[in-house]
Amino acid sequence: MTGFLSNLKGWMSLLPRFSFGNCLEIIIITFIVYQVLNWIMQTRAFALLKGIFVILLFTFMAFILKLNTILWIIEKCSTIAVIALVVIFQPELRKALEQLGSTKYFFSSLITPDKHDTMMTKEYASMLSKAVFRMAKVKTGALIVIEQNETLDDYIKTGIEIDGLISTGLIINTFEKNTPLHDGAVIVRGNRIVAATCYLPLSDNVNISKDLGTRHRAALGISEVTDSITIVVSEETGGVSWAYKGKLIKVSEEAALDSLLYSRINRAEVRSFKTKLLMKSSEEGNRDEK
């Protein structure tokens, strides 16, 4: 035993000295890395970084296969690429610096929102579907964006804050013609209408039908840059459409829309149930071992 302790002490002496300063550095670096990753995940920078990763992977493959001409071109373009990255990420970098200068940022960044707060229940999904098809009957134009995993805070800031529970009457009154809130998009987070009159990016897809108006282009535009679900009611035809991941699908019945919304909700509920089931099985396994 004495020999083992002596060997252990010898091994520990090989390690670098661990002081209070080292501990403080680890905490600061961990916090900075966490904030950078959190910033990347909450902005469009994540999608841009995926593109950069593809380019780096292509460069690595060119290096392995010894494609000298391609490597020479990449080397010559590397200086320009650094400047281009600053230009491309300019809006995200500006937002990050603004948040850094805000005193609220340090407190809010330490609080992680509950995922259940961003999940719409079946009851409120039915209210939303009912409101959409009531507006469709009288050809009231509407644009409703439902937030998923990616935050829509940048677009919420462009509108007027409401922060009210979803109800059929509230949605219909919001889009009523000649009212202050009818123009623009309504953004929904969980069971709440967060904001109205929000501005959305228009799709640049040249293959979109010329019959589609600005609402449909905005619905496609937001679905191309986020994982949100967008419901559109056409003012001209009264038709209802569903935009998701750059695709537009027509919905002819209230039950069909209700089913589509519930299928998205149900996936989240199933994932939550599986997680709880695994945790329960693990706890039972630990009790059995004891």
Protein backbone atom coordinates (compact mmCIF):
# COMPACT_ATOMS: atom_id res chain seq x y z
CA MET A 1 0.00 0.00 0.00
CA THR A 2 2.83 2.35 0.87
CA GLY A 3 4.47 1.63 -2.49
CA PHE A 4 1.23 2.40 -4.35
CA LEU A 5 0.83 5.74 -2.53
CA SER A 6 4.44 6.58 -3.29
CA ASN A 7 3.92 5.83 -7.00
CA LEU A 8 0.69 7.86 -7.03
CA LYS A 9 2.50 10.82 -5.47
CA GLY A 10 5.19 10.53 -8.14
CA TRP A 11 2.59 10.53 -10.92
CA MET A 12 0.81 13.55 -9.41
CA SER A 13 4.11 15.45 -9.31
CA LEU A 14 4.32 15.12 -13.10
CA LEU A 15 1.06 17.05 -13.52
CA PRO A 16 1.20 20.85 -13.84
CA ARG A 17 0.45 22.85 -10.71
CA PHE A 18 -3.26 23.61 -10.25
CA SER A 19 -3.87 26.98 -8.62
CA PHE A 20 -6.83 29.31 -8.13
CA GLY A 21 -5.77 31.18 -11.29
CA ASN A 22 -5.98 27.97 -13.35
CA CYS A 23 -9.45 27.27 -11.97
CA LEU A 24 -10.60 30.81 -12.80
CA GLU A 25 -9.23 30.51 -16.35
CA ILE A 26 -11.11 27.24 -16.91
CA ILE A 27 -14.37 28.82 -15.72
CA ILE A 28 -13.91 31.91 -17.95
CA ILE A 29 -12.97 29.89 -21.05
CA THR A 30 -15.90 27.48 -20.46
CA PHE A 31 -18.32 30.42 -20.17
CA ILE A 32 -16.97 32.07 -23.35
CA VAL A 33 -17.14 28.82 -25.36
CA TYR A 34 -20.70 28.21 -24.11
CA GLN A 35 -21.81 31.73 -25.08
CA VAL A 36 -20.23 31.45 -28.54
CA LEU A 37 -21.94 28.09 -29.18
CA ASN A 38 -25.24 29.45 -27.84
CA TRP A 39 -24.92 32.51 -30.12
CA ILE A 40 -24.20 30.29 -33.15
CA MET A 41 -27.23 28.07 -32.47
CA GLN A 42 -29.62 31.01 -32.03
CA THR A 43 -28.69 32.84 -35.23
CA ARG A 44 -28.38 32.07 -38.92
CA ALA A 45 -24.64 31.74 -38.34
CA PHE A 46 -25.20 28.02 -37.69
CA ALA A 47 -26.41 27.46 -41.27
CA LEU A 48 -23.48 29.51 -42.62
CA LEU A 49 -21.01 27.53 -40.51
CA LYS A 50 -22.36 24.30 -41.97
CA GLY A 51 -21.49 25.66 -45.42
CA ILE A 52 -17.98 26.53 -44.21
CA PHE A 53 -17.61 23.01 -42.81
CA VAL A 54 -18.47 21.58 -46.25
CA ILE A 55 -15.74 23.75 -47.83
CA LEU A 56 -13.20 22.62 -45.20
CA LEU A 57 -14.16 19.00 -45.81
CA PHE A 58 -13.68 19.51 -49.55
CA THR A 59 -10.25 21.08 -48.87
CA PHE A 60 -9.27 18.12 -46.69
CA MET A 61 -10.31 15.66 -49.42
CA ALA A 62 -8.29 17.64 -51.99
CA PHE A 63 -5.27 17.42 -49.66
CA ILE A 64 -5.68 13.65 -49.20
CA LEU A 65 -6.07 13.08 -52.95
CA LYS A 66 -3.21 15.51 -53.70
CA LEU A 67 -5.25 17.73 -56.01
CA ASN A 68 -2.52 20.37 -56.23
CA THR A 69 -4.30 22.78 -58.59
CA ILE A 70 -7.39 22.96 -56.36
CA LEU A 71 -5.19 23.40 -53.27
CA TRP A 72 -3.30 26.25 -55.00
CA ILE A 73 -6.59 28.02 -55.80
CA ILE A 74 -7.83 27.58 -52.21
CA GLU A 75 -4.54 28.94 -50.84
CA LYS A 76 -4.73 32.05 -53.02
CA CYS A 77 -8.35 32.65 -52.04
CA SER A 78 -7.80 32.15 -48.30
CA THR A 79 -6.91 35.82 -47.61
CA ILE A 80 -10.02 37.05 -49.39
CA ALA A 81 -12.09 34.41 -47.58
CA VAL A 82 -11.20 35.87 -44.16
CA ILE A 83 -12.46 39.32 -45.22
CA ALA A 84 -15.53 37.73 -46.81
CA LEU A 85 -16.38 35.95 -43.55
CA VAL A 86 -16.37 39.25 -41.66
CA VAL A 87 -18.73 40.76 -44.26
CA ILE A 88 -21.03 37.70 -44.28
CA PHE A 89 -21.27 37.50 -40.49
CA GLN A 90 -21.55 41.29 -40.05
CA PRO A 91 -25.22 41.29 -38.85
CA GLU A 92 -24.60 38.42 -36.42
CA LEU A 93 -21.37 39.96 -35.08
CA ARG A 94 -23.09 43.31 -34.59
CA LYS A 95 -25.94 41.64 -32.70
CA ALA A 96 -23.46 39.74 -30.52
CA LEU A 97 -21.63 42.97 -29.60
CA GLU A 98 -24.95 44.69 -28.81
CA GLN A 99 -25.90 41.80 -26.51
CA LEU A 100 -22.47 41.93 -24.88
CA GLY A 101 -23.04 45.59 -24.06
CA SER A 102 -26.42 44.86 -22.51
CA THR A 103 -26.50 44.21 -18.75
CA LYS A 104 -29.56 41.97 -19.18
CA TYR A 105 -27.59 39.62 -21.40
CA PHE A 106 -25.42 38.25 -18.61
CA PHE A 107 -28.43 37.29 -16.52
CA SER A 108 -30.72 36.00 -19.29
CA SER A 109 -27.96 33.88 -20.86
CA LEU A 110 -27.66 31.86 -17.65
CA ILE A 111 -31.33 30.88 -17.77
CA THR A 112 -32.29 28.11 -20.20
CA PRO A 113 -35.95 28.27 -21.32
CA ASP A 114 -38.12 25.22 -20.71
CA LYS A 115 -38.78 23.39 -23.96
CA HIS A 116 -42.38 22.75 -22.87
CA ASP A 117 -43.01 26.52 -22.99
CA THR A 118 -42.30 26.46 -26.75
CA MET A 119 -44.54 23.48 -27.49
CA MET A 120 -48.16 24.03 -28.56
CA THR A 121 -50.74 21.74 -26.98
CA LYS A 122 -53.48 19.99 -28.94
CA GLU A 123 -56.22 22.24 -27.51
CA TYR A 124 -54.56 25.45 -28.76
CA ALA A 125 -53.63 23.84 -32.08
CA SER A 126 -57.35 23.15 -32.65
CA MET A 127 -58.20 26.79 -31.85
CA LEU A 128 -55.59 27.92 -34.37
CA SER A 129 -56.92 25.59 -37.10
CA LYS A 130 -60.49 26.77 -36.47
CA ALA A 131 -59.47 30.43 -36.74
CA VAL A 132 -57.55 29.81 -39.99
CA PHE A 133 -60.51 28.19 -41.77
CA ARG A 134 -63.00 30.75 -40.49
CA MET A 135 -60.81 33.44 -42.07
CA ALA A 136 -60.50 31.34 -45.23
CA LYS A 137 -64.32 31.25 -45.62
CA VAL A 138 -64.54 35.05 -45.76
CA LYS A 139 -61.21 35.44 -47.62
CA THR A 140 -59.38 37.27 -44.84
CA GLY A 141 -55.67 37.22 -45.59
CA ALA A 142 -53.47 35.86 -42.81
CA LEU A 143 -49.84 34.90 -42.15
CA ILE A 144 -49.08 32.89 -39.00
CA VAL A 145 -45.55 31.70 -38.12
CA ILE A 146 -45.14 28.96 -35.50
CA GLU A 147 -41.72 28.87 -33.84
CA GLN A 148 -39.98 25.50 -33.53
CA ASN A 149 -36.42 24.86 -32.29
CA GLU A 150 -34.80 27.92 -33.91
CA THR A 151 -35.62 31.20 -32.20
CA LEU A 152 -37.51 33.92 -34.10
CA ASP A 153 -36.49 36.79 -31.81
CA ASP A 154 -35.00 38.81 -34.69
CA TYR A 155 -38.39 38.82 -36.47
CA ILE A 156 -40.43 39.33 -33.29
CA LYS A 157 -38.55 42.61 -32.70
CA THR A 158 -39.88 43.98 -36.01
CA GLY A 159 -43.51 43.71 -34.86
CA ILE A 160 -45.78 44.76 -32.00
CA GLU A 161 -45.67 42.67 -28.84
CA ILE A 162 -48.94 40.94 -27.85
CA ASP A 163 -48.01 38.01 -25.57
CA GLY A 164 -51.51 36.56 -25.28
CA LEU A 165 -52.84 33.01 -25.23
CA ILE A 166 -54.03 31.63 -28.56
CA SER A 167 -57.76 31.93 -29.09
CA THR A 168 -59.89 31.73 -32.22
CA GLY A 169 -61.34 35.20 -31.64
CA LEU A 170 -57.97 36.86 -30.99
CA ILE A 171 -56.46 35.51 -34.22
CA ILE A 172 -59.49 36.49 -36.33
CA ASN A 173 -59.61 40.01 -34.85
CA THR A 174 -55.86 40.46 -35.39
CA PHE A 175 -56.19 39.89 -39.15
CA GLU A 176 -59.45 41.77 -39.57
CA LYS A 177 -59.17 44.23 -42.47
CA ASN A 178 -58.48 47.90 -41.74
CA THR A 179 -57.21 47.21 -38.21
CA PRO A 180 -53.75 48.31 -36.98
CA LEU A 181 -52.45 44.72 -36.58
CA HIS A 182 -53.76 43.05 -39.74
CA ASP A 183 -50.70 43.78 -41.92
CA GLY A 184 -47.64 41.56 -41.54
CA ALA A 185 -47.18 38.23 -39.77
CA VAL A 186 -48.26 36.89 -36.40
CA ILE A 187 -45.59 34.85 -34.58
CA VAL A 188 -46.66 32.06 -32.24
CA ARG A 189 -44.43 30.52 -29.57
CA GLY A 190 -45.94 27.53 -27.76
CA ASN A 191 -49.52 28.39 -26.76
CA ARG A 192 -49.01 32.15 -26.99
CA ILE A 193 -49.19 34.77 -29.72
CA VAL A 194 -45.95 36.65 -29.14
CA ALA A 195 -46.17 39.48 -31.68
CA ALA A 196 -48.10 40.79 -34.71
CA THR A 197 -47.28 42.93 -37.77
CA CYS A 198 -43.88 41.25 -38.01
CA TYR A 199 -41.75 41.57 -41.15
CA LEU A 200 -40.48 38.37 -42.78
CA PRO A 201 -37.82 37.81 -45.46
CA LEU A 202 -39.17 37.14 -48.94
CA SER A 203 -38.08 34.03 -50.82
CA ASP A 204 -35.65 34.51 -53.74
CA ASN A 205 -36.73 31.24 -55.37
CA VAL A 206 -37.28 31.99 -59.08
CA ASN A 207 -39.36 28.83 -59.51
CA ILE A 208 -42.21 30.10 -57.34
CA SER A 209 -45.49 30.45 -59.24
CA LYS A 210 -46.28 34.00 -60.37
CA ASP A 211 -49.80 33.50 -58.99
CA LEU A 212 -48.47 33.58 -55.43
CA GLY A 213 -48.46 36.92 -53.67
CA THR A 214 -46.27 38.56 -51.05
CA ARG A 215 -47.73 36.54 -48.16
CA HIS A 216 -46.80 33.24 -49.78
CA ARG A 217 -43.31 34.50 -50.67
CA ALA A 218 -42.82 35.63 -47.08
CA ALA A 219 -44.04 32.25 -45.79
CA LEU A 220 -41.56 30.45 -48.03
CA GLY A 221 -38.81 32.95 -47.15
CA ILE A 222 -39.04 32.37 -43.38
CA SER A 223 -39.29 28.59 -43.90
CA GLU A 224 -36.05 28.65 -45.93
CA VAL A 225 -33.97 30.31 -43.19
CA THR A 226 -35.57 28.76 -40.06
CA ASP A 227 -37.31 25.52 -39.07
CA SER A 228 -40.58 27.36 -38.38
CA ILE A 229 -44.02 26.32 -39.66
CA THR A 230 -46.00 29.01 -41.47
CA ILE A 231 -49.72 29.01 -42.27
CA VAL A 232 -50.98 31.30 -45.05
CA VAL A 233 -54.54 32.29 -45.93
CA SER A 234 -54.90 33.82 -49.39
CA GLU A 235 -56.92 37.02 -49.55
CA GLU A 236 -57.75 36.46 -53.23
CA THR A 237 -58.86 32.80 -53.19
CA GLY A 238 -59.36 31.96 -49.52
CA GLY A 239 -57.00 29.01 -49.94
CA VAL A 240 -54.96 27.75 -46.99
CA SER A 241 -51.32 26.71 -47.40
CA TRP A 242 -48.62 25.33 -45.12
CA ALA A 243 -44.95 26.33 -45.61
CA TYR A 244 -42.13 24.27 -44.15
CA LYS A 245 -38.47 23.93 -45.14
CA GLY A 246 -38.95 25.88 -48.38
CA LYS A 247 -41.99 23.89 -49.53
CA LEU A 248 -45.59 25.07 -49.84
CA ILE A 249 -48.43 22.56 -49.33
CA LYS A 250 -52.12 23.34 -49.83
CA VAL A 251 -54.48 22.32 -47.02
CA SER A 252 -58.13 21.89 -47.99
CA GLU A 253 -59.79 21.00 -44.67
CA GLU A 254 -59.63 22.10 -41.04
CA ALA A 255 -59.15 18.49 -39.90
CA ALA A 256 -56.12 18.13 -42.21
CA LEU A 257 -54.48 21.26 -40.76
CA ASP A 258 -55.30 20.12 -37.24
CA SER A 259 -53.69 16.75 -38.03
CA LEU A 260 -50.56 18.40 -39.46
CA LEU A 261 -50.15 20.61 -36.39
CA TYR A 262 -50.81 17.72 -34.02
CA SER A 263 -48.29 15.49 -35.81
CA ARG A 264 -45.58 18.08 -35.09
CA ILE A 265 -46.70 18.36 -31.46
CA ASN A 266 -46.97 14.60 -31.09
CA ARG A 267 -43.36 14.11 -32.24
CA ALA A 268 -42.14 16.33 -29.43
CA GLU A 269 -44.38 14.52 -26.94
CA VAL A 270 -43.12 11.12 -28.12
CA ARG A 271 -39.47 12.28 -27.74
CA SER A 272 -40.24 13.55 -24.23
CA PHE A 273 -41.98 10.28 -23.34
CA LYS A 274 -39.04 8.20 -24.62
CA THR A 275 -36.59 10.28 -22.57
CA LYS A 276 -38.67 9.82 -19.42
CA LEU A 277 -39.00 6.09 -20.14
CA LEU A 278 -35.23 5.69 -20.53
CA MET A 279 -34.59 7.62 -17.30
CA LYS A 280 -37.13 5.45 -15.48
CA SER A 281 -35.57 2.24 -16.83
CA SER A 282 -32.11 3.47 -15.76
CA GLU A 283 -33.36 4.23 -12.23
CA GLU A 284 -35.02 0.80 -11.96
CA GLY A 285 -31.80 -0.84 -13.18
CA ASN A 286 -29.79 1.00 -10.53
CA ARG A 287 -32.23 -0.10 -7.81
CA ASP A 288 -32.00 -3.73 -8.99
CA GLU A 289 -28.19 -3.59 -8.81
CA LYS A 290 -28.38 -2.33 -5.26
